[in-house]
Amino acid sequence: MQSGATSLGISASDGVVIATEKKLPSALVDESTVQKIAMLTPNIAVVYSGMGPDYRVLVRKARKTAQAYHSLYKENIPVAQLVRETATVMQEFTREWGGACACVRACVCACMRAWARG
């Protein structure tokens, strides 16, 4: 992404670390309102680079998918399944808009234990 900030995920033996650079589009934007890392489930988080509105759509749809799975099976959705569902949303977006891609790159990270919020 040409205008996106750097985002990355690092896998460790006992978890993952995700980080991002927070570039604000304008000096008028309040830094506390820009969220570049989001929890999707207690053990799955996502970080992005690119267009914020596209990211928010993906996060909202991923959370709905994870919640529907949890409601049906009473357990957290497998990471691979959530990534596959989210990638399908991005592909549908590209197809519906005549080749205009979803202008976001997301890094989905998971940990076997639930993360503490902090």
PDB file of N, CA and C in Angstrom:
ATOM      1  N   MET A   1       0.847  -1.161   0.000  1.00  0.00           N
ATOM      2  CA  MET A   1       0.000   0.000   0.000  1.00  0.00           C
ATOM      3  C   MET A   1       0.900   1.234   0.000  1.00  0.00           C
ATOM      4  N   GLN A   2       0.699   2.063  -0.935  1.00  0.00           N
ATOM      5  CA  GLN A   2       1.554   3.228  -1.072  1.00  0.00           C
ATOM      6  C   GLN A   2       1.360   4.214   0.081  1.00  0.00           C
ATOM      7  N   SER A   3       0.119   4.437   0.496  1.00  0.00           N
ATOM      8  CA  SER A   3      -0.130   5.408   1.556  1.00  0.00           C
ATOM      9  C   SER A   3      -0.255   4.760   2.925  1.00  0.00           C
ATOM     10  N   GLY A   4      -0.157   3.439   3.001  1.00  0.00           N
ATOM     11  CA  GLY A   4      -0.340   2.742   4.267  1.00  0.00           C
ATOM     12  C   GLY A   4       0.898   2.787   5.134  1.00  0.00           C
ATOM     13  N   ALA A   5       0.667   2.644   6.421  1.00  0.00           N
ATOM     14  CA  ALA A   5       1.758   2.605   7.380  1.00  0.00           C
ATOM     15  C   ALA A   5       2.245   1.161   7.516  1.00  0.00           C
ATOM     16  N   THR A   6       3.385   0.978   8.107  1.00  0.00           N
ATOM     17  CA  THR A   6       3.931  -0.353   8.335  1.00  0.00           C
ATOM     18  C   THR A   6       3.160  -1.051   9.441  1.00  0.00           C
ATOM     19  N   SER A   7       2.797  -2.299   9.201  1.00  0.00           N
ATOM     20  CA  SER A   7       2.132  -3.139  10.194  1.00  0.00           C
ATOM     21  C   SER A   7       2.768  -4.514  10.138  1.00  0.00           C
ATOM     22  N   LEU A   8       2.898  -5.172  11.290  1.00  0.00           N
ATOM     23  CA  LEU A   8       3.529  -6.484  11.291  1.00  0.00           C
ATOM     24  C   LEU A   8       3.062  -7.320  12.456  1.00  0.00           C
ATOM     25  N   GLY A   9       3.267  -8.621  12.310  1.00  0.00           N
ATOM     26  CA  GLY A   9       2.996  -9.581  13.365  1.00  0.00           C
ATOM     27  C   GLY A   9       4.204 -10.471  13.537  1.00  0.00           C
ATOM     28  N   ILE A  10       4.585 -10.734  14.766  1.00  0.00           N
ATOM     29  CA  ILE A  10       5.738 -11.572  15.065  1.00  0.00           C
ATOM     30  C   ILE A  10       5.276 -12.730  15.937  1.00  0.00           C
ATOM     31  N   SER A  11       5.566 -13.930  15.504  1.00  0.00           N
ATOM     32  CA  SER A  11       5.178 -15.121  16.236  1.00  0.00           C
ATOM     33  C   SER A  11       6.269 -15.496  17.233  1.00  0.00           C
ATOM     34  N   ALA A  12       5.861 -15.808  18.445  1.00  0.00           N
ATOM     35  CA  ALA A  12       6.783 -16.268  19.489  1.00  0.00           C
ATOM     36  C   ALA A  12       6.301 -17.625  19.986  1.00  0.00           C
ATOM     37  N   SER A  13       7.087 -18.284  20.802  1.00  0.00           N
ATOM     38  CA  SER A  13       6.697 -19.614  21.287  1.00  0.00           C
ATOM     39  C   SER A  13       5.484 -19.566  22.209  1.00  0.00           C
ATOM     40  N   ASP A  14       5.269 -18.435  22.871  1.00  0.00           N
ATOM     41  CA  ASP A  14       4.148 -18.346  23.810  1.00  0.00           C
ATOM     42  C   ASP A  14       3.126 -17.270  23.426  1.00  0.00           C
ATOM     43  N   GLY A  15       3.099 -16.864  22.160  1.00  0.00           N
ATOM     44  CA  GLY A  15       2.122 -15.877  21.724  1.00  0.00           C
ATOM     45  C   GLY A  15       2.588 -15.131  20.496  1.00  0.00           C
ATOM     46  N   VAL A  16       1.971 -13.998  20.256  1.00  0.00           N
ATOM     47  CA  VAL A  16       2.322 -13.156  19.115  1.00  0.00           C
ATOM     48  C   VAL A  16       2.390 -11.701  19.564  1.00  0.00           C
ATOM     49  N   VAL A  17       3.137 -10.917  18.800  1.00  0.00           N
ATOM     50  CA  VAL A  17       3.213  -9.477  19.016  1.00  0.00           C
ATOM     51  C   VAL A  17       2.787  -8.832  17.714  1.00  0.00           C
ATOM     52  N   ILE A  18       1.835  -7.894  17.791  1.00  0.00           N
ATOM     53  CA  ILE A  18       1.447  -7.158  16.601  1.00  0.00           C
ATOM     54  C   ILE A  18       1.689  -5.676  16.852  1.00  0.00           C
ATOM     55  N   ALA A  19       2.128  -5.005  15.809  1.00  0.00           N
ATOM     56  CA  ALA A  19       2.462  -3.585  15.946  1.00  0.00           C
ATOM     57  C   ALA A  19       2.155  -2.872  14.634  1.00  0.00           C
ATOM     58  N   THR A  20       1.977  -1.572  14.731  1.00  0.00           N
ATOM     59  CA  THR A  20       1.728  -0.768  13.552  1.00  0.00           C
ATOM     60  C   THR A  20       2.182   0.652  13.777  1.00  0.00           C
ATOM     61  N   GLU A  21       2.440   1.321  12.689  1.00  0.00           N
ATOM     62  CA  GLU A  21       2.765   2.741  12.708  1.00  0.00           C
ATOM     63  C   GLU A  21       1.447   3.482  12.499  1.00  0.00           C
ATOM     64  N   LYS A  22       1.169   4.465  13.325  1.00  0.00           N
ATOM     65  CA  LYS A  22      -0.087   5.197  13.212  1.00  0.00           C
ATOM     66  C   LYS A  22       0.155   6.526  12.506  1.00  0.00           C
ATOM     67  N   LYS A  23      -0.086   6.515  11.186  1.00  0.00           N
ATOM     68  CA  LYS A  23       0.014   7.747  10.397  1.00  0.00           C
ATOM     69  C   LYS A  23      -1.368   8.373  10.319  1.00  0.00           C
ATOM     70  N   LEU A  24      -1.487   9.599  10.743  1.00  0.00           N
ATOM     71  CA  LEU A  24      -2.776  10.283  10.687  1.00  0.00           C
ATOM     72  C   LEU A  24      -2.917  11.012   9.359  1.00  0.00           C
ATOM     73  N   PRO A  25      -4.109  10.975   8.754  1.00  0.00           N
ATOM     74  CA  PRO A  25      -4.295  11.615   7.455  1.00  0.00           C
ATOM     75  C   PRO A  25      -4.255  13.135   7.513  1.00  0.00           C
ATOM     76  N   SER A  26      -4.476  13.693   8.699  1.00  0.00           N
ATOM     77  CA  SER A  26      -4.514  15.146   8.846  1.00  0.00           C
ATOM     78  C   SER A  26      -4.192  15.500  10.284  1.00  0.00           C
ATOM     79  N   ALA A  27      -3.673  16.698  10.480  1.00  0.00           N
ATOM     80  CA  ALA A  27      -3.402  17.175  11.841  1.00  0.00           C
ATOM     81  C   ALA A  27      -4.704  17.410  12.607  1.00  0.00           C
ATOM     82  N   LEU A  28      -5.817  17.462  11.902  1.00  0.00           N
ATOM     83  CA  LEU A  28      -7.111  17.689  12.537  1.00  0.00           C
ATOM     84  C   LEU A  28      -7.749  16.415  13.094  1.00  0.00           C
ATOM     85  N   VAL A  29      -7.169  15.261  12.770  1.00  0.00           N
ATOM     86  CA  VAL A  29      -7.701  13.994  13.249  1.00  0.00           C
ATOM     87  C   VAL A  29      -7.178  13.729  14.654  1.00  0.00           C
ATOM     88  N   ASP A  30      -8.100  13.402  15.566  1.00  0.00           N
ATOM     89  CA  ASP A  30      -7.737  13.068  16.941  1.00  0.00           C
ATOM     90  C   ASP A  30      -7.134  11.660  16.966  1.00  0.00           C
ATOM     91  N   GLU A  31      -5.896  11.552  17.414  1.00  0.00           N
ATOM     92  CA  GLU A  31      -5.177  10.274  17.404  1.00  0.00           C
ATOM     93  C   GLU A  31      -5.912   9.182  18.173  1.00  0.00           C
ATOM     94  N   SER A  32      -6.622   9.533  19.229  1.00  0.00           N
ATOM     95  CA  SER A  32      -7.311   8.524  20.037  1.00  0.00           C
ATOM     96  C   SER A  32      -8.498   7.898  19.310  1.00  0.00           C
ATOM     97  N   THR A  33      -8.952   8.491  18.213  1.00  0.00           N
ATOM     98  CA  THR A  33     -10.092   7.937  17.477  1.00  0.00           C
ATOM     99  C   THR A  33      -9.667   6.941  16.403  1.00  0.00           C
ATOM    100  N   VAL A  34      -8.377   6.845  16.115  1.00  0.00           N
ATOM    101  CA  VAL A  34      -7.880   5.933  15.081  1.00  0.00           C
ATOM    102  C   VAL A  34      -7.428   4.639  15.748  1.00  0.00           C
ATOM    103  N   GLN A  35      -8.115   3.537  15.421  1.00  0.00           N
ATOM    104  CA  GLN A  35      -7.791   2.228  15.981  1.00  0.00           C
ATOM    105  C   GLN A  35      -7.259   1.340  14.858  1.00  0.00           C
ATOM    106  N   LYS A  36      -5.994   0.969  14.919  1.00  0.00           N
ATOM    107  CA  LYS A  36      -5.384   0.162  13.857  1.00  0.00           C
ATOM    108  C   LYS A  36      -5.207  -1.301  14.255  1.00  0.00           C
ATOM    109  N   ILE A  37      -5.481  -1.616  15.513  1.00  0.00           N
ATOM    110  CA  ILE A  37      -5.432  -2.990  15.993  1.00  0.00           C
ATOM    111  C   ILE A  37      -6.787  -3.283  16.631  1.00  0.00           C
ATOM    112  N   ALA A  38      -7.371  -4.425  16.252  1.00  0.00           N
ATOM    113  CA  ALA A  38      -8.692  -4.765  16.785  1.00  0.00           C
ATOM    114  C   ALA A  38      -8.721  -6.225  17.219  1.00  0.00           C
ATOM    115  N   MET A  39      -9.426  -6.486  18.294  1.00  0.00           N
ATOM    116  CA  MET A  39      -9.675  -7.848  18.735  1.00  0.00           C
ATOM    117  C   MET A  39     -10.916  -8.353  18.012  1.00  0.00           C
ATOM    118  N   LEU A  40     -10.808  -9.521  17.388  1.00  0.00           N
ATOM    119  CA  LEU A  40     -11.963 -10.121  16.729  1.00  0.00           C
ATOM    120  C   LEU A  40     -12.640 -11.132  17.637  1.00  0.00           C
ATOM    121  N   THR A  41     -11.833 -11.902  18.361  1.00  0.00           N
ATOM    122  CA  THR A  41     -12.299 -12.860  19.365  1.00  0.00           C
ATOM    123  C   THR A  41     -11.321 -12.754  20.534  1.00  0.00           C
ATOM    124  N   PRO A  42     -11.560 -13.458  21.627  1.00  0.00           N
ATOM    125  CA  PRO A  42     -10.601 -13.394  22.737  1.00  0.00           C
ATOM    126  C   PRO A  42      -9.190 -13.868  22.380  1.00  0.00           C
ATOM    127  N   ASN A  43      -9.041 -14.636  21.295  1.00  0.00           N
ATOM    128  CA  ASN A  43      -7.704 -15.112  20.931  1.00  0.00           C
ATOM    129  C   ASN A  43      -7.260 -14.725  19.515  1.00  0.00           C
ATOM    130  N   ILE A  44      -8.026 -13.872  18.820  1.00  0.00           N
ATOM    131  CA  ILE A  44      -7.663 -13.457  17.461  1.00  0.00           C
ATOM    132  C   ILE A  44      -7.708 -11.932  17.369  1.00  0.00           C
ATOM    133  N   ALA A  45      -6.610 -11.363  16.877  1.00  0.00           N
ATOM    134  CA  ALA A  45      -6.541  -9.908  16.674  1.00  0.00           C
ATOM    135  C   ALA A  45      -6.103  -9.640  15.245  1.00  0.00           C
ATOM    136  N   VAL A  46      -6.347  -8.415  14.781  1.00  0.00           N
ATOM    137  CA  VAL A  46      -5.974  -8.034  13.422  1.00  0.00           C
ATOM    138  C   VAL A  46      -5.371  -6.638  13.453  1.00  0.00           C
ATOM    139  N   VAL A  47      -4.365  -6.427  12.600  1.00  0.00           N
ATOM    140  CA  VAL A  47      -3.732  -5.120  12.430  1.00  0.00           C
ATOM    141  C   VAL A  47      -3.742  -4.846  10.929  1.00  0.00           C
ATOM    142  N   TYR A  48      -3.810  -3.567  10.546  1.00  0.00           N
ATOM    143  CA  TYR A  48      -3.917  -3.271   9.119  1.00  0.00           C
ATOM    144  C   TYR A  48      -3.033  -2.131   8.674  1.00  0.00           C
ATOM    145  N   SER A  49      -2.851  -2.087   7.354  1.00  0.00           N
ATOM    146  CA  SER A  49      -2.253  -0.959   6.646  1.00  0.00           C
ATOM    147  C   SER A  49      -3.184  -0.658   5.489  1.00  0.00           C
ATOM    148  N   GLY A  50      -3.427   0.589   5.233  1.00  0.00           N
ATOM    149  CA  GLY A  50      -4.280   0.961   4.108  1.00  0.00           C
ATOM    150  C   GLY A  50      -5.422   1.866   4.510  1.00  0.00           C
ATOM    151  N   MET A  51      -6.552   1.682   3.849  1.00  0.00           N
ATOM    152  CA  MET A  51      -7.710   2.543   4.016  1.00  0.00           C
ATOM    153  C   MET A  51      -8.536   2.140   5.241  1.00  0.00           C
ATOM    154  N   GLY A  52      -8.698   3.051   6.162  1.00  0.00           N
ATOM    155  CA  GLY A  52      -9.456   2.796   7.380  1.00  0.00           C
ATOM    156  C   GLY A  52     -10.882   2.343   7.153  1.00  0.00           C
ATOM    157  N   PRO A  53     -11.640   2.989   6.249  1.00  0.00           N
ATOM    158  CA  PRO A  53     -13.026   2.550   6.036  1.00  0.00           C
ATOM    159  C   PRO A  53     -13.128   1.102   5.546  1.00  0.00           C
ATOM    160  N   ASP A  54     -12.243   0.688   4.650  1.00  0.00           N
ATOM    161  CA  ASP A  54     -12.256  -0.703   4.177  1.00  0.00           C
ATOM    162  C   ASP A  54     -11.947  -1.648   5.335  1.00  0.00           C
ATOM    163  N   TYR A  55     -11.005  -1.269   6.175  1.00  0.00           N
ATOM    164  CA  TYR A  55     -10.637  -2.077   7.337  1.00  0.00           C
ATOM    165  C   TYR A  55     -11.815  -2.230   8.293  1.00  0.00           C
ATOM    166  N   ARG A  56     -12.513  -1.130   8.548  1.00  0.00           N
ATOM    167  CA  ARG A  56     -13.646  -1.192   9.479  1.00  0.00           C
ATOM    168  C   ARG A  56     -14.740  -2.120   8.962  1.00  0.00           C
ATOM    169  N   VAL A  57     -14.971  -2.127   7.659  1.00  0.00           N
ATOM    170  CA  VAL A  57     -15.949  -3.052   7.075  1.00  0.00           C
ATOM    171  C   VAL A  57     -15.507  -4.497   7.316  1.00  0.00           C
ATOM    172  N   LEU A  58     -14.237  -4.782   7.072  1.00  0.00           N
ATOM    173  CA  LEU A  58     -13.724  -6.142   7.268  1.00  0.00           C
ATOM    174  C   LEU A  58     -13.801  -6.568   8.730  1.00  0.00           C
ATOM    175  N   VAL A  59     -13.456  -5.672   9.649  1.00  0.00           N
ATOM    176  CA  VAL A  59     -13.519  -5.997  11.079  1.00  0.00           C
ATOM    177  C   VAL A  59     -14.964  -6.285  11.493  1.00  0.00           C
ATOM    178  N   ARG A  60     -15.888  -5.446  11.054  1.00  0.00           N
ATOM    179  CA  ARG A  60     -17.293  -5.640  11.410  1.00  0.00           C
ATOM    180  C   ARG A  60     -17.802  -6.990  10.896  1.00  0.00           C
ATOM    181  N   LYS A  61     -17.478  -7.321   9.643  1.00  0.00           N
ATOM    182  CA  LYS A  61     -17.917  -8.594   9.075  1.00  0.00           C
ATOM    183  C   LYS A  61     -17.223  -9.781   9.749  1.00  0.00           C
ATOM    184  N   ALA A  62     -15.933  -9.646  10.062  1.00  0.00           N
ATOM    185  CA  ALA A  62     -15.211 -10.729  10.733  1.00  0.00           C
ATOM    186  C   ALA A  62     -15.776 -10.978  12.128  1.00  0.00           C
ATOM    187  N   ARG A  63     -16.107  -9.919  12.844  1.00  0.00           N
ATOM    188  CA  ARG A  63     -16.699 -10.088  14.182  1.00  0.00           C
ATOM    189  C   ARG A  63     -18.060 -10.760  14.097  1.00  0.00           C
ATOM    190  N   LYS A  64     -18.865 -10.389  13.105  1.00  0.00           N
ATOM    191  CA  LYS A  64     -20.177 -11.032  12.922  1.00  0.00           C
ATOM    192  C   LYS A  64     -20.013 -12.509  12.599  1.00  0.00           C
ATOM    193  N   THR A  65     -19.051 -12.834  11.752  1.00  0.00           N
ATOM    194  CA  THR A  65     -18.786 -14.229  11.402  1.00  0.00           C
ATOM    195  C   THR A  65     -18.363 -15.020  12.638  1.00  0.00           C
ATOM    196  N   ALA A  66     -17.454 -14.445  13.422  1.00  0.00           N
ATOM    197  CA  ALA A  66     -16.972 -15.118  14.635  1.00  0.00           C
ATOM    198  C   ALA A  66     -18.101 -15.296  15.651  1.00  0.00           C
ATOM    199  N   GLN A  67     -18.953 -14.296  15.780  1.00  0.00           N
ATOM    200  CA  GLN A  67     -20.064 -14.383  16.733  1.00  0.00           C
ATOM    201  C   GLN A  67     -21.087 -15.425  16.288  1.00  0.00           C
ATOM    202  N   ALA A  68     -21.376 -15.473  14.985  1.00  0.00           N
ATOM    203  CA  ALA A  68     -22.320 -16.478  14.476  1.00  0.00           C
ATOM    204  C   ALA A  68     -21.789 -17.886  14.725  1.00  0.00           C
ATOM    205  N   TYR A  69     -20.487 -18.084  14.506  1.00  0.00           N
ATOM    206  CA  TYR A  69     -19.866 -19.392  14.752  1.00  0.00           C
ATOM    207  C   TYR A  69     -19.961 -19.739  16.235  1.00  0.00           C
ATOM    208  N   HIS A  70     -19.662 -18.776  17.085  1.00  0.00           N
ATOM    209  CA  HIS A  70     -19.701 -19.020  18.529  1.00  0.00           C
ATOM    210  C   HIS A  70     -21.119 -19.332  19.000  1.00  0.00           C
ATOM    211  N   SER A  71     -22.103 -18.645  18.451  1.00  0.00           N
ATOM    212  CA  SER A  71     -23.499 -18.893  18.822  1.00  0.00           C
ATOM    213  C   SER A  71     -23.935 -20.302  18.443  1.00  0.00           C
ATOM    214  N   LEU A  72     -23.445 -20.792  17.307  1.00  0.00           N
ATOM    215  CA  LEU A  72     -23.834 -22.104  16.819  1.00  0.00           C
ATOM    216  C   LEU A  72     -23.076 -23.238  17.511  1.00  0.00           C
ATOM    217  N   TYR A  73     -21.750 -23.089  17.656  1.00  0.00           N
ATOM    218  CA  TYR A  73     -20.911 -24.176  18.153  1.00  0.00           C
ATOM    219  C   TYR A  73     -20.412 -24.011  19.585  1.00  0.00           C
ATOM    220  N   LYS A  74     -20.655 -22.866  20.182  1.00  0.00           N
ATOM    221  CA  LYS A  74     -20.249 -22.586  21.578  1.00  0.00           C
ATOM    222  C   LYS A  74     -18.745 -22.693  21.804  1.00  0.00           C
ATOM    223  N   GLU A  75     -17.975 -22.334  20.771  1.00  0.00           N
ATOM    224  CA  GLU A  75     -16.517 -22.266  20.884  1.00  0.00           C
ATOM    225  C   GLU A  75     -16.024 -21.211  19.895  1.00  0.00           C
ATOM    226  N   ASN A  76     -14.775 -20.788  20.089  1.00  0.00           N
ATOM    227  CA  ASN A  76     -14.213 -19.775  19.198  1.00  0.00           C
ATOM    228  C   ASN A  76     -13.989 -20.341  17.807  1.00  0.00           C
ATOM    229  N   ILE A  77     -14.156 -19.494  16.807  1.00  0.00           N
ATOM    230  CA  ILE A  77     -13.972 -19.889  15.420  1.00  0.00           C
ATOM    231  C   ILE A  77     -12.495 -20.199  15.161  1.00  0.00           C
ATOM    232  N   PRO A  78     -12.197 -21.242  14.394  1.00  0.00           N
ATOM    233  CA  PRO A  78     -10.798 -21.505  14.032  1.00  0.00           C
ATOM    234  C   PRO A  78     -10.239 -20.341  13.204  1.00  0.00           C
ATOM    235  N   VAL A  79      -8.976 -20.036  13.422  1.00  0.00           N
ATOM    236  CA  VAL A  79      -8.345 -18.897  12.753  1.00  0.00           C
ATOM    237  C   VAL A  79      -8.403 -19.039  11.235  1.00  0.00           C
ATOM    238  N   ALA A  80      -8.081 -20.212  10.725  1.00  0.00           N
ATOM    239  CA  ALA A  80      -8.074 -20.417   9.271  1.00  0.00           C
ATOM    240  C   ALA A  80      -9.450 -20.162   8.669  1.00  0.00           C
ATOM    241  N   GLN A  81     -10.490 -20.567   9.360  1.00  0.00           N
ATOM    242  CA  GLN A  81     -11.841 -20.358   8.850  1.00  0.00           C
ATOM    243  C   GLN A  81     -12.203 -18.874   8.833  1.00  0.00           C
ATOM    244  N   LEU A  82     -11.837 -18.154   9.883  1.00  0.00           N
ATOM    245  CA  LEU A  82     -12.124 -16.720   9.932  1.00  0.00           C
ATOM    246  C   LEU A  82     -11.351 -15.962   8.853  1.00  0.00           C
ATOM    247  N   VAL A  83     -10.097 -16.338   8.636  1.00  0.00           N
ATOM    248  CA  VAL A  83      -9.293 -15.707   7.583  1.00  0.00           C
ATOM    249  C   VAL A  83      -9.908 -15.989   6.211  1.00  0.00           C
ATOM    250  N   ARG A  84     -10.342 -17.231   5.986  1.00  0.00           N
ATOM    251  CA  ARG A  84     -10.954 -17.595   4.709  1.00  0.00           C
ATOM    252  C   ARG A  84     -12.238 -16.789   4.469  1.00  0.00           C
ATOM    253  N   GLU A  85     -13.077 -16.659   5.486  1.00  0.00           N
ATOM    254  CA  GLU A  85     -14.324 -15.892   5.370  1.00  0.00           C
ATOM    255  C   GLU A  85     -14.030 -14.415   5.088  1.00  0.00           C
ATOM    256  N   THR A  86     -13.029 -13.863   5.756  1.00  0.00           N
ATOM    257  CA  THR A  86     -12.673 -12.457   5.559  1.00  0.00           C
ATOM    258  C   THR A  86     -12.090 -12.237   4.162  1.00  0.00           C
ATOM    259  N   ALA A  87     -11.277 -13.163   3.698  1.00  0.00           N
ATOM    260  CA  ALA A  87     -10.716 -13.058   2.345  1.00  0.00           C
ATOM    261  C   ALA A  87     -11.824 -13.116   1.301  1.00  0.00           C
ATOM    262  N   THR A  88     -12.855 -13.912   1.556  1.00  0.00           N
ATOM    263  CA  THR A  88     -13.996 -13.994   0.645  1.00  0.00           C
ATOM    264  C   THR A  88     -14.700 -12.649   0.559  1.00  0.00           C
ATOM    265  N   VAL A  89     -14.844 -11.967   1.678  1.00  0.00           N
ATOM    266  CA  VAL A  89     -15.464 -10.639   1.679  1.00  0.00           C
ATOM    267  C   VAL A  89     -14.642  -9.682   0.824  1.00  0.00           C
ATOM    268  N   MET A  90     -13.320  -9.718   0.969  1.00  0.00           N
ATOM    269  CA  MET A  90     -12.454  -8.848   0.175  1.00  0.00           C
ATOM    270  C   MET A  90     -12.573  -9.165  -1.313  1.00  0.00           C
ATOM    271  N   GLN A  91     -12.658 -10.450  -1.666  1.00  0.00           N
ATOM    272  CA  GLN A  91     -12.775 -10.836  -3.067  1.00  0.00           C
ATOM    273  C   GLN A  91     -14.124 -10.398  -3.631  1.00  0.00           C
ATOM    274  N   GLU A  92     -15.201 -10.541  -2.850  1.00  0.00           N
ATOM    275  CA  GLU A  92     -16.520 -10.103  -3.300  1.00  0.00           C
ATOM    276  C   GLU A  92     -16.539  -8.597  -3.521  1.00  0.00           C
ATOM    277  N   PHE A  93     -15.892  -7.875  -2.633  1.00  0.00           N
ATOM    278  CA  PHE A  93     -15.814  -6.426  -2.766  1.00  0.00           C
ATOM    279  C   PHE A  93     -15.136  -6.059  -4.091  1.00  0.00           C
ATOM    280  N   THR A  94     -14.049  -6.739  -4.399  1.00  0.00           N
ATOM    281  CA  THR A  94     -13.317  -6.476  -5.638  1.00  0.00           C
ATOM    282  C   THR A  94     -14.185  -6.801  -6.858  1.00  0.00           C
ATOM    283  N   ARG A  95     -14.889  -7.923  -6.810  1.00  0.00           N
ATOM    284  CA  ARG A  95     -15.726  -8.339  -7.929  1.00  0.00           C
ATOM    285  C   ARG A  95     -16.903  -7.381  -8.145  1.00  0.00           C
ATOM    286  N   GLU A  96     -17.566  -6.978  -7.064  1.00  0.00           N
ATOM    287  CA  GLU A  96     -18.733  -6.108  -7.161  1.00  0.00           C
ATOM    288  C   GLU A  96     -18.396  -4.720  -7.683  1.00  0.00           C
ATOM    289  N   TRP A  97     -17.215  -4.243  -7.381  1.00  0.00           N
ATOM    290  CA  TRP A  97     -16.856  -2.878  -7.759  1.00  0.00           C
ATOM    291  C   TRP A  97     -16.024  -2.842  -9.033  1.00  0.00           C
ATOM    292  N   GLY A  98     -16.126  -3.849  -9.854  1.00  0.00           N
ATOM    293  CA  GLY A  98     -15.500  -3.842 -11.170  1.00  0.00           C
ATOM    294  C   GLY A  98     -13.991  -3.737 -11.152  1.00  0.00           C
ATOM    295  N   GLY A  99     -13.340  -4.456 -10.266  1.00  0.00           N
ATOM    296  CA  GLY A  99     -11.891  -4.476 -10.243  1.00  0.00           C
ATOM    297  C   GLY A  99     -11.261  -3.526  -9.239  1.00  0.00           C
ATOM    298  N   ALA A 100     -12.068  -2.665  -8.606  1.00  0.00           N
ATOM    299  CA  ALA A 100     -11.516  -1.787  -7.568  1.00  0.00           C
ATOM    300  C   ALA A 100     -11.278  -2.639  -6.333  1.00  0.00           C
ATOM    301  N   CYS A 101     -10.036  -2.783  -5.946  1.00  0.00           N
ATOM    302  CA  CYS A 101      -9.715  -3.685  -4.842  1.00  0.00           C
ATOM    303  C   CYS A 101     -10.034  -3.055  -3.494  1.00  0.00           C
ATOM    304  N   ALA A 102     -10.208  -3.911  -2.504  1.00  0.00           N
ATOM    305  CA  ALA A 102     -10.312  -3.435  -1.130  1.00  0.00           C
ATOM    306  C   ALA A 102      -8.925  -2.897  -0.780  1.00  0.00           C
ATOM    307  N   CYS A 103      -8.828  -1.633  -0.499  1.00  0.00           N
ATOM    308  CA  CYS A 103      -7.523  -0.977  -0.301  1.00  0.00           C
ATOM    309  C   CYS A 103      -7.041  -1.130   1.134  1.00  0.00           C
ATOM    310  N   VAL A 104      -6.843  -2.356   1.546  1.00  0.00           N
ATOM    311  CA  VAL A 104      -6.368  -2.633   2.890  1.00  0.00           C
ATOM    312  C   VAL A 104      -5.613  -3.963   2.863  1.00  0.00           C
ATOM    313  N   ARG A 105      -4.572  -4.048   3.669  1.00  0.00           N
ATOM    314  CA  ARG A 105      -3.848  -5.294   3.875  1.00  0.00           C
ATOM    315  C   ARG A 105      -3.929  -5.581   5.363  1.00  0.00           C
ATOM    316  N   ALA A 106      -4.395  -6.766   5.704  1.00  0.00           N
ATOM    317  CA  ALA A 106      -4.597  -7.101   7.108  1.00  0.00           C
ATOM    318  C   ALA A 106      -3.699  -8.259   7.507  1.00  0.00           C
ATOM    319  N   CYS A 107      -3.224  -8.218   8.730  1.00  0.00           N
ATOM    320  CA  CYS A 107      -2.430  -9.286   9.315  1.00  0.00           C
ATOM    321  C   CYS A 107      -3.237  -9.828  10.490  1.00  0.00           C
ATOM    322  N   VAL A 108      -3.715 -11.060  10.381  1.00  0.00           N
ATOM    323  CA  VAL A 108      -4.519 -11.675  11.432  1.00  0.00           C
ATOM    324  C   VAL A 108      -3.596 -12.537  12.276  1.00  0.00           C
ATOM    325  N   CYS A 109      -3.646 -12.337  13.585  1.00  0.00           N
ATOM    326  CA  CYS A 109      -2.784 -13.068  14.506  1.00  0.00           C
ATOM    327  C   CYS A 109      -3.637 -13.759  15.557  1.00  0.00           C
ATOM    328  N   ALA A 110      -3.218 -14.935  15.957  1.00  0.00           N
ATOM    329  CA  ALA A 110      -3.967 -15.683  16.960  1.00  0.00           C
ATOM    330  C   ALA A 110      -3.028 -16.245  18.015  1.00  0.00           C
ATOM    331  N   CYS A 111      -3.580 -16.439  19.186  1.00  0.00           N
ATOM    332  CA  CYS A 111      -2.852 -17.029  20.309  1.00  0.00           C
ATOM    333  C   CYS A 111      -3.754 -18.094  20.915  1.00  0.00           C
ATOM    334  N   MET A 112      -3.202 -19.175  21.365  1.00  0.00           N
ATOM    335  CA  MET A 112      -4.015 -20.248  21.914  1.00  0.00           C
ATOM    336  C   MET A 112      -4.699 -19.831  23.212  1.00  0.00           C
ATOM    337  N   ARG A 113      -4.089 -18.936  23.951  1.00  0.00           N
ATOM    338  CA  ARG A 113      -4.708 -18.437  25.179  1.00  0.00           C
ATOM    339  C   ARG A 113      -5.313 -17.080  24.893  1.00  0.00           C
ATOM    340  N   ALA A 114      -6.359 -16.721  25.630  1.00  0.00           N
ATOM    341  CA  ALA A 114      -6.968 -15.403  25.451  1.00  0.00           C
ATOM    342  C   ALA A 114      -6.000 -14.334  25.920  1.00  0.00           C
ATOM    343  N   TRP A 115      -5.955 -13.206  25.182  1.00  0.00           N
ATOM    344  CA  TRP A 115      -5.083 -12.104  25.536  1.00  0.00           C
ATOM    345  C   TRP A 115      -5.704 -11.252  26.616  1.00  0.00           C
ATOM    346  N   ALA A 116      -4.858 -10.702  27.451  1.00  0.00           N
ATOM    347  CA  ALA A 116      -5.322  -9.725  28.439  1.00  0.00           C
ATOM    348  C   ALA A 116      -5.385  -8.362  27.755  1.00  0.00           C
ATOM    349  N   ARG A 117      -6.452  -7.664  27.975  1.00  0.00           N
ATOM    350  CA  ARG A 117      -6.550  -6.320  27.403  1.00  0.00           C
ATOM    351  C   ARG A 117      -5.709  -5.389  28.250  1.00  0.00           C
ATOM    352  N   GLY A 118      -4.991  -4.491  27.554  1.00  0.00           N
ATOM    353  CA  GLY A 118      -4.147  -3.624  28.352  1.00  0.00           C
ATOM    354  C   GLY A 118      -3.614  -2.450  27.668  1.00  0.00           C
TER     355      GLY A 118
END
